[in-house]
Amino acid sequence: MKAVQLSSFGKENLSLIDLPDPGKPGPGEVLVRFRAASLNFRDYLVVQGKYNPNFPVPMVPCSDGSGEIVDIGENVTGIKTGDKINATFAPYWLSGHANKKELRTTLGGPLDGTLRQYAILPASGVVPMPSHLSFEEAATLPCAGLTAWSSFFVENQLKKGESVVIQGTGGVSLFALQFAKAIGATVYLTSSSDEKLERGKSLGADHLINYRNITSWGEKIRELTGGEGADHIVEVGGAGTLEQSIKAVKLFGTIHLIGILAGAIKDLNLLPLVMNQIKVQGIVVGHREGFLAMNKAIEEWKLKPVVDKVYELSEFKDALEYLKDGKHFGKIVVRIP
């Protein structure tokens, strides 16, 4: 079978090779034929050895994928050959709070990922994909989609009429925008690009803030909300933007910490977190139960993931470089022949 393999850390050590077919699935397992994979910034960090240098190599990278069931092992129920599925990022995390093993046993490191034609997975590690989506669209759901869903509807409960600040226009951010508008929330979208902000407006964003022009955007959010602040902040920058998020969030509001793209800062006054009783919730993707609920909602709402560009498997290095450049709006997908 065709697969992309990372022989040692560094993008230069990625190769498209032939690997042996995985064979027959065992009890409780399924054989998946992957049709598409989508990229997350985590994948770039894994390839460069910056996410976890202790991950085993050689490895097949990439955490997100969609495909179809081509064989099932004994004692597998509720799944049949031909079913169109998503692979889950953490195949043993079924519901509730994960234990350490469940949270660390994940596709695309340390387990082999989705940039391959075939894989044997535990039956618990697949879910039916929304029926109205293509493989390319569905491939975007396992990490970016589920992270946004878990932020709003698993660890917290976003309600109609609440206000949400969403940072940027990457995969998680755009899913958060789509979910927030589907539930009837008011969305404040931040970006350094006026063009991307306008595209966000077409998805339903109510207020647009260019943080290059308005560097104290936390105060701007407070002004736009009548001095109250926003109920929810989708925080993708980490320490580099957390100060503004703290200024933007209301009393008893929630900061959903799902990224660290803006790096670190030396000094951060945490007193407002305490005095305003702000909840900071770290989010690492989510469990199978949440994935099932999300896909059901996506189907009911007829949502379409935002796919920026689709590459062929032979172009995987170009796809990774495009991801690193950060010019995309939405998700980058690799089609698997």
Protein backbone atom coordinates (compact mmCIF):
# COMPACT_ATOMS: atom_id res chain seq x y z
CA MET A 1 0.00 0.00 0.00
CA LYS A 2 1.04 3.61 -0.54
CA ALA A 3 1.94 5.59 2.58
CA VAL A 4 3.85 8.66 3.66
CA GLN A 5 6.53 7.69 6.16
CA LEU A 6 8.65 9.84 8.45
CA SER A 7 11.96 7.98 8.79
CA SER A 8 13.40 10.46 11.31
CA PHE A 9 12.36 13.92 12.44
CA GLY A 10 12.49 16.70 9.86
CA LYS A 11 10.37 17.38 6.78
CA GLU A 12 13.25 16.29 4.55
CA ASN A 13 12.84 12.77 5.98
CA LEU A 14 9.29 12.32 4.66
CA SER A 15 8.89 9.88 1.77
CA LEU A 16 6.05 8.36 -0.23
CA ILE A 17 6.75 4.63 -0.05
CA ASP A 18 5.18 1.19 -0.41
CA LEU A 19 4.40 -0.56 2.86
CA PRO A 20 2.99 -4.07 3.35
CA ASP A 21 -0.80 -4.28 3.51
CA PRO A 22 -1.91 -4.59 7.15
CA GLY A 23 -3.69 -7.92 6.64
CA LYS A 24 -6.92 -9.08 8.27
CA PRO A 25 -8.47 -7.30 11.25
CA GLY A 26 -8.53 -9.23 14.51
CA PRO A 27 -11.35 -9.48 17.06
CA GLY A 28 -12.80 -6.05 17.81
CA GLU A 29 -10.95 -4.48 14.89
CA VAL A 30 -11.79 -3.04 11.47
CA LEU A 31 -9.81 -2.57 8.28
CA VAL A 32 -10.13 0.98 6.95
CA ARG A 33 -9.39 2.23 3.45
CA PHE A 34 -8.46 5.88 3.92
CA ARG A 35 -9.67 8.26 1.21
CA ALA A 36 -8.60 11.63 2.60
CA ALA A 37 -6.59 13.18 5.42
CA SER A 38 -6.49 16.74 6.68
CA LEU A 39 -3.60 18.59 8.27
CA ASN A 40 -3.33 20.25 11.67
CA PHE A 41 -0.47 22.34 13.01
CA ARG A 42 0.20 19.44 15.38
CA ASP A 43 1.20 17.38 12.34
CA TYR A 44 3.87 19.90 11.36
CA LEU A 45 5.22 19.95 14.92
CA VAL A 46 5.29 16.14 15.03
CA VAL A 47 7.21 15.94 11.74
CA GLN A 48 9.76 18.48 12.96
CA GLY A 49 10.22 16.64 16.27
CA LYS A 50 8.94 19.64 18.22
CA TYR A 51 5.71 18.10 19.50
CA ASN A 52 7.25 15.09 21.22
CA PRO A 53 10.81 14.09 20.32
CA ASN A 54 10.19 10.74 22.03
CA PHE A 55 7.60 9.63 19.48
CA PRO A 56 8.76 6.46 17.73
CA VAL A 57 10.05 6.68 14.16
CA PRO A 58 9.59 5.55 11.46
CA MET A 59 5.99 6.73 11.64
CA VAL A 60 3.09 7.51 9.31
CA PRO A 61 2.06 11.10 10.17
CA CYS A 62 -1.28 12.92 10.28
CA SER A 63 -4.10 12.58 12.80
CA ASP A 64 -7.25 13.29 10.76
CA GLY A 65 -8.79 10.98 8.21
CA SER A 66 -11.90 9.64 6.52
CA GLY A 67 -12.51 6.52 4.51
CA GLU A 68 -14.55 3.36 4.33
CA ILE A 69 -14.70 0.00 6.08
CA VAL A 70 -13.38 -2.81 3.87
CA ASP A 71 -13.28 -5.66 6.42
CA ILE A 72 -14.36 -6.32 10.00
CA GLY A 73 -13.06 -8.69 12.65
CA GLU A 74 -14.95 -10.93 15.03
CA ASN A 75 -17.19 -9.44 17.72
CA VAL A 76 -17.63 -6.14 15.86
CA THR A 77 -21.20 -4.86 15.89
CA GLY A 78 -22.87 -1.77 14.47
CA ILE A 79 -20.34 -1.50 11.62
CA LYS A 80 -20.45 -3.13 8.20
CA THR A 81 -18.31 -3.28 5.10
CA GLY A 82 -18.81 -0.20 2.94
CA ASP A 83 -19.63 2.17 5.80
CA LYS A 84 -18.13 5.63 5.34
CA ILE A 85 -16.31 6.61 8.50
CA ASN A 86 -14.07 9.03 10.33
CA ALA A 87 -11.13 7.72 12.30
CA THR A 88 -10.97 9.15 15.81
CA PHE A 89 -7.84 10.90 17.04
CA ALA A 90 -7.83 8.99 20.36
CA PRO A 91 -9.32 5.58 19.47
CA TYR A 92 -9.64 4.31 23.06
CA TRP A 93 -11.17 7.47 24.59
CA LEU A 94 -14.84 6.60 24.47
CA SER A 95 -16.51 9.05 26.88
CA GLY A 96 -16.02 11.14 30.01
CA HIS A 97 -12.61 12.31 31.14
CA ALA A 98 -9.74 10.41 29.56
CA ASN A 99 -7.07 8.65 31.55
CA LYS A 100 -3.44 9.26 30.66
CA LYS A 101 -3.17 6.24 28.38
CA GLU A 102 -6.32 7.16 26.43
CA LEU A 103 -5.11 10.72 25.99
CA ARG A 104 -1.62 9.68 24.87
CA THR A 105 -2.60 6.84 22.50
CA THR A 106 -3.37 8.88 19.41
CA LEU A 107 -3.11 8.72 15.62
CA GLY A 108 -0.27 10.60 13.97
CA GLY A 109 1.98 10.08 16.97
CA PRO A 110 2.70 7.86 18.74
CA LEU A 111 0.45 5.59 16.63
CA ASP A 112 0.77 5.56 12.85
CA GLY A 113 -1.52 8.15 11.30
CA THR A 114 -3.76 8.59 8.29
CA LEU A 115 -1.43 9.33 5.35
CA ARG A 116 -1.72 5.73 4.14
CA GLN A 117 -4.16 3.71 2.10
CA TYR A 118 -5.06 1.08 4.71
CA ALA A 119 -5.08 0.76 8.49
CA ILE A 120 -6.35 -1.70 11.07
CA LEU A 121 -8.07 0.22 13.87
CA PRO A 122 -10.08 -0.76 16.93
CA ALA A 123 -13.79 -0.62 16.14
CA SER A 124 -14.06 2.00 18.89
CA GLY A 125 -11.75 4.19 16.81
CA VAL A 126 -14.20 4.89 13.98
CA VAL A 127 -17.51 6.77 13.77
CA PRO A 128 -19.97 7.20 10.87
CA MET A 129 -19.21 10.35 8.91
CA PRO A 130 -22.02 12.83 8.11
CA SER A 131 -23.83 11.50 5.05
CA HIS A 132 -23.88 14.80 3.14
CA LEU A 133 -20.11 15.31 3.23
CA SER A 134 -17.43 14.19 0.80
CA PHE A 135 -14.40 12.28 2.08
CA GLU A 136 -12.35 15.47 1.71
CA GLU A 137 -14.81 17.47 3.82
CA ALA A 138 -15.26 14.76 6.45
CA ALA A 139 -11.50 14.37 6.88
CA THR A 140 -11.42 17.78 8.57
CA LEU A 141 -13.59 16.70 11.52
CA PRO A 142 -11.57 14.49 13.92
CA CYS A 143 -9.30 17.13 15.48
CA ALA A 144 -10.39 20.62 14.41
CA GLY A 145 -14.11 19.97 14.40
CA LEU A 146 -14.19 17.95 17.60
CA THR A 147 -11.98 20.44 19.46
CA ALA A 148 -14.47 23.22 18.72
CA TRP A 149 -17.41 20.97 19.60
CA SER A 150 -15.87 19.85 22.90
CA SER A 151 -15.18 23.47 23.83
CA PHE A 152 -18.81 24.51 23.38
CA PHE A 153 -20.90 21.43 24.09
CA VAL A 154 -18.93 18.91 26.17
CA GLU A 155 -16.79 20.76 28.70
CA ASN A 156 -19.16 23.73 28.60
CA GLN A 157 -22.61 24.53 27.22
CA LEU A 158 -22.86 27.35 24.70
CA LYS A 159 -26.34 28.85 24.68
CA LYS A 160 -28.36 30.83 22.19
CA GLY A 161 -27.81 34.56 22.63
CA GLU A 162 -24.39 34.26 24.28
CA SER A 163 -21.36 36.09 22.91
CA VAL A 164 -18.25 34.34 21.57
CA VAL A 165 -14.85 35.77 20.62
CA ILE A 166 -13.05 33.60 18.07
CA GLN A 167 -9.38 34.17 17.33
CA GLY A 168 -8.21 33.64 13.77
CA THR A 169 -9.49 31.69 10.79
CA GLY A 170 -7.79 28.32 11.10
CA GLY A 171 -9.63 25.03 11.21
CA VAL A 172 -10.74 25.04 14.85
CA SER A 173 -11.70 28.70 14.69
CA LEU A 174 -13.94 28.30 11.66
CA PHE A 175 -15.66 25.25 13.12
CA ALA A 176 -16.22 27.28 16.28
CA LEU A 177 -17.72 30.07 14.17
CA GLN A 178 -20.06 27.68 12.36
CA PHE A 179 -21.16 25.93 15.57
CA ALA A 180 -21.69 29.22 17.39
CA LYS A 181 -23.88 30.62 14.63
CA ALA A 182 -25.83 27.37 14.34
CA ILE A 183 -26.75 27.62 18.03
CA GLY A 184 -27.65 31.33 17.76
CA ALA A 185 -24.67 33.00 19.45
CA THR A 186 -23.16 36.39 18.59
CA VAL A 187 -19.63 36.04 17.15
CA TYR A 188 -16.73 38.49 17.37
CA LEU A 189 -14.00 37.36 14.95
CA THR A 190 -10.38 38.55 15.17
CA SER A 191 -7.71 38.27 12.47
CA SER A 192 -4.76 40.19 11.07
CA SER A 193 -6.24 39.95 7.56
CA ASP A 194 -9.17 42.08 6.38
CA GLU A 195 -9.71 39.62 3.53
CA LYS A 196 -10.05 36.69 5.94
CA LEU A 197 -12.34 38.73 8.17
CA GLU A 198 -14.65 39.37 5.24
CA ARG A 199 -14.69 35.67 4.45
CA GLY A 200 -15.54 35.05 8.10
CA LYS A 201 -18.40 37.51 7.77
CA SER A 202 -19.80 35.41 4.93
CA LEU A 203 -19.93 32.50 7.40
CA GLY A 204 -21.95 34.58 9.83
CA ALA A 205 -19.46 36.50 11.99
CA ASP A 206 -21.30 39.48 13.48
CA HIS A 207 -18.34 41.73 14.42
CA LEU A 208 -14.90 41.88 12.78
CA ILE A 209 -11.70 43.04 14.51
CA ASN A 210 -8.31 43.35 12.82
CA TYR A 211 -5.90 42.97 15.74
CA ARG A 212 -3.06 44.60 13.81
CA ASN A 213 -5.07 47.81 13.70
CA ILE A 214 -6.70 47.35 17.12
CA THR A 215 -3.95 45.87 19.28
CA SER A 216 -5.96 46.27 22.49
CA TRP A 217 -8.76 44.17 21.08
CA GLY A 218 -9.77 42.95 24.53
CA GLU A 219 -10.87 46.46 25.43
CA LYS A 220 -12.65 46.73 22.07
CA ILE A 221 -14.65 43.58 22.83
CA ARG A 222 -15.62 44.99 26.21
CA GLU A 223 -16.72 48.22 24.51
CA LEU A 224 -18.79 46.35 21.92
CA THR A 225 -20.50 44.32 24.65
CA GLY A 226 -21.57 47.37 26.63
CA GLY A 227 -18.76 47.00 29.15
CA GLU A 228 -19.71 43.44 30.09
CA GLY A 229 -17.26 41.37 28.06
CA ALA A 230 -17.91 38.16 26.12
CA ASP A 231 -19.25 34.91 27.54
CA HIS A 232 -16.72 32.74 25.69
CA ILE A 233 -13.25 33.23 24.19
CA VAL A 234 -11.83 30.65 21.78
CA GLU A 235 -8.14 31.13 22.60
CA VAL A 236 -5.71 29.82 19.98
CA GLY A 237 -2.72 32.06 20.70
CA GLY A 238 -1.88 30.87 24.20
CA ALA A 239 0.26 33.03 26.45
CA GLY A 240 0.88 35.58 23.69
CA THR A 241 -2.82 36.52 23.43
CA LEU A 242 -4.14 35.42 26.82
CA GLU A 243 -3.77 38.91 28.30
CA GLN A 244 -6.22 40.33 25.75
CA SER A 245 -8.57 37.38 26.24
CA ILE A 246 -8.66 38.05 29.98
CA LYS A 247 -9.59 41.65 29.24
CA ALA A 248 -12.29 40.56 26.78
CA VAL A 249 -14.11 37.94 28.86
CA LYS A 250 -16.95 38.76 31.24
CA LEU A 251 -17.36 37.92 34.91
CA PHE A 252 -17.69 34.15 35.28
CA GLY A 253 -16.94 33.77 31.56
CA THR A 254 -14.91 30.99 29.95
CA ILE A 255 -11.64 31.05 28.03
CA HIS A 256 -11.37 27.89 25.91
CA LEU A 257 -7.61 27.31 25.60
CA ILE A 258 -7.06 25.22 22.49
CA GLY A 259 -3.77 26.53 21.04
CA ILE A 260 -0.40 28.13 21.72
CA LEU A 261 0.36 29.70 18.33
CA ALA A 262 1.44 33.12 19.63
CA GLY A 263 4.20 31.78 21.86
CA ALA A 264 5.03 32.91 25.37
CA ILE A 265 5.32 36.19 27.24
CA LYS A 266 7.32 36.86 30.39
CA ASP A 267 4.75 38.60 32.53
CA LEU A 268 1.04 37.88 32.78
CA ASN A 269 -1.16 39.30 35.51
CA LEU A 270 -3.39 36.45 36.64
CA LEU A 271 -5.21 38.45 39.30
CA PRO A 272 -8.15 39.31 36.98
CA LEU A 273 -8.71 35.57 36.43
CA VAL A 274 -9.25 35.19 40.16
CA MET A 275 -11.14 38.40 40.87
CA ASN A 276 -13.49 37.96 37.89
CA GLN A 277 -13.86 34.21 38.54
CA ILE A 278 -12.93 33.35 34.97
CA LYS A 279 -12.78 29.71 33.92
CA VAL A 280 -9.81 28.69 31.74
CA GLN A 281 -10.53 25.31 30.14
CA GLY A 282 -7.83 23.44 28.26
CA ILE A 283 -9.20 21.38 25.37
CA VAL A 284 -7.47 18.43 23.67
CA VAL A 285 -9.83 17.25 20.91
CA GLY A 286 -12.48 15.03 22.54
CA HIS A 287 -13.99 11.58 23.00
CA ARG A 288 -15.93 9.22 20.74
CA GLU A 289 -19.28 10.05 22.36
CA GLY A 290 -18.75 13.72 21.56
CA PHE A 291 -17.70 12.87 18.00
CA LEU A 292 -20.95 10.97 17.43
CA ALA A 293 -22.99 13.88 18.80
CA MET A 294 -21.07 16.38 16.66
CA ASN A 295 -21.53 14.43 13.44
CA LYS A 296 -25.25 14.10 14.17
CA ALA A 297 -25.52 17.88 14.66
CA ILE A 298 -23.45 18.62 11.54
CA GLU A 299 -25.83 16.44 9.55
CA GLU A 300 -28.93 18.05 11.07
CA TRP A 301 -27.57 21.57 10.53
CA LYS A 302 -26.26 20.66 7.05
CA LEU A 303 -22.94 22.32 7.86
CA LYS A 304 -20.10 22.16 5.35
CA PRO A 305 -16.51 22.33 6.63
CA VAL A 306 -14.39 25.06 5.08
CA VAL A 307 -11.74 23.39 2.91
CA ASP A 308 -9.08 25.78 1.64
CA LYS A 309 -7.12 23.48 -0.66
CA VAL A 310 -6.93 19.80 -1.61
CA TYR A 311 -3.57 18.19 -2.45
CA GLU A 312 -2.78 14.78 -3.91
CA LEU A 313 -0.84 12.29 -1.79
CA SER A 314 2.25 12.84 -3.96
CA GLU A 315 2.09 16.55 -3.02
CA PHE A 316 2.11 16.00 0.75
CA LYS A 317 5.28 18.05 1.28
CA ASP A 318 3.71 21.01 -0.51
CA ALA A 319 0.64 20.65 1.70
CA LEU A 320 2.79 20.69 4.83
CA GLU A 321 4.65 23.78 3.62
CA TYR A 322 1.36 25.55 2.88
CA LEU A 323 0.23 24.70 6.41
CA LYS A 324 3.42 26.14 7.88
CA ASP A 325 3.03 29.40 5.92
CA GLY A 326 -0.31 30.04 7.64
CA LYS A 327 -1.97 31.64 4.63
CA HIS A 328 -4.86 29.18 4.50
CA PHE A 329 -8.48 29.89 5.40
CA GLY A 330 -9.94 26.73 6.85
CA LYS A 331 -8.56 23.25 6.33
CA ILE A 332 -5.88 21.72 4.11
CA VAL A 333 -6.73 18.24 2.82
CA VAL A 334 -4.69 15.47 1.20
CA ARG A 335 -6.57 13.09 -1.09
CA ILE A 336 -5.52 9.43 -0.80
CA PRO A 337 -5.78 7.46 -4.08
